[in-house]
Amino acid sequence: MFTKSKYTWVLVVIFIAMINILYASDEKNNIIRLESETSVLIQNENLDITDQRNLLYETNIVDTSNSDIFVHQKTSYEDIKNSKLIEFDNNGNVIDDNILSRFPDKNELYKINKIVKTADDGFLIVQNSDADLPVNFTVKKVDKSLNELWTKKFDNKGTLILITALTALNDGYVVSGYGYDDIENGKSKFVAYKLDNNGKLLYNIEHTYDANFMPFRVISNKNDIIVCGKTYEGNTENIWITYINTYGDISWKRNFTNCTILGQSELLNNNFAIVVNSNKDLPKNKFRMMQFDLLGNKIWEKIYTPPYKYEQFKTLCSEDKYILLCKYSTLSDHNDEITTKYRATAIDNAGHLLWEEDVGILKNKKIEDMKRVKNNTFLIIGTGNDIMSKNDILWVGKFITRKYILR
């Protein structure tokens, strides 16, 4: 009887292994599976330009909370900048190729910089001067019918401010970036404005660090924000994590010296993680990941050795893990062409590596943003290049994460 039982288990293991091999060999059943994709040719709105060469210099996912997807893209041609808000349905079909064309008060002196979707299905918009040195900016609220509800203009009294983030909170919004009192001295500081849902200014704060400060990412925790950024002076880079409460006060700061930030996650079970590389003590093909709680305590720190040297990380969270989209480059043996590739890596809440896999569809694309739609589904947006027109093409893909039977 023992012999029969032993052979039965052997057959079961072989059967599962064969299913796993077949499952893994099917491209439709990879861990990262493409569900839908679409491409949109980026066109310049200025009709006076004949031989147009449109370059996408920034794009981000505005909202995925409902059935539709909103993507904000900014393009440039020489000194002319254009901004579009494109609406897609859940299958990647374009519903409206430029919602902004229907917005009220098209002020040519102010260009739309950042957009977020509001709880009432309207939009909050940050506009700033189209000049090389933006000083003043406006914040505008429109409802879902694109009717303007209120506009607030902010005069920074000569301070140069570059807006890098617009963050939605439970009790309002934070417009943030970095600024200079005197650009010639080269020392930048973190600057933030918090407004309530009716446009009332709740705080305007400035925080200085030990050297030039550049914000990397701002994430929200209810009414507070967590700012991760870097300071640099000469060839030295340091990382700063700052927790700013609802009143604009600093609750805590953490500093990591002589390292470069590569990625920062959103909140995962009231924790968040950053991805860094060290300028000294780590070989170039390794990276370090650290997880923190909301009090700034480090929960764990892990060092990972990937098969390639990663150049960039896009980081998001599902309900129980971090997903890193890691960019790397390879050089062709024949024509010395550089190929850009991406590899997805999943790490659980305890820092354990779950799986990693190349995402072939992203080859030679420039990935700009990645957001979760629901637990196992997320969006990736970026650009490719149209061979015929030589223009950039906006690319949007919806993916689902799956699991092998055996790993």
Foldseek 3Di string as FASTA:
>chain_A
DVVVVVVVVVVVVVVQVVVLVVQCVDQCNHQKHFDAKDWFFDDDPDPVDDLDAKDWDAKEWADQQDQKTWMKTWIDDVLDIDIAIWIAGNRGHTPDGGPPVPAPDPDPQWYWDDWHQDPQRWIWTKIFGSDPFTFKIKIWTAGNVNHTDDMDIDGNPQKGFDWDDWAAAQFFIKTKWWIDSDVVVVAIWIWIWTAGPNGHTQDTDTGGDPGHWGWDDWEDDHQKIWTWTWGDDDHWIKIKIFIAGNNRDTLDMDIGTQKDWFEKEYDAPQKIKTKIDHPPDDPQQKIKMWMAHPNGDTPDIDIDGDPFRFDHWAWYAANWWIKIWTWDWDADPPPRDIKIWIKIWIAGPNGHTDDMGTDVVCIQWDWRHKAASHRFKIKIWTWHADPPSRYIMIMITMIGGDDRPPD
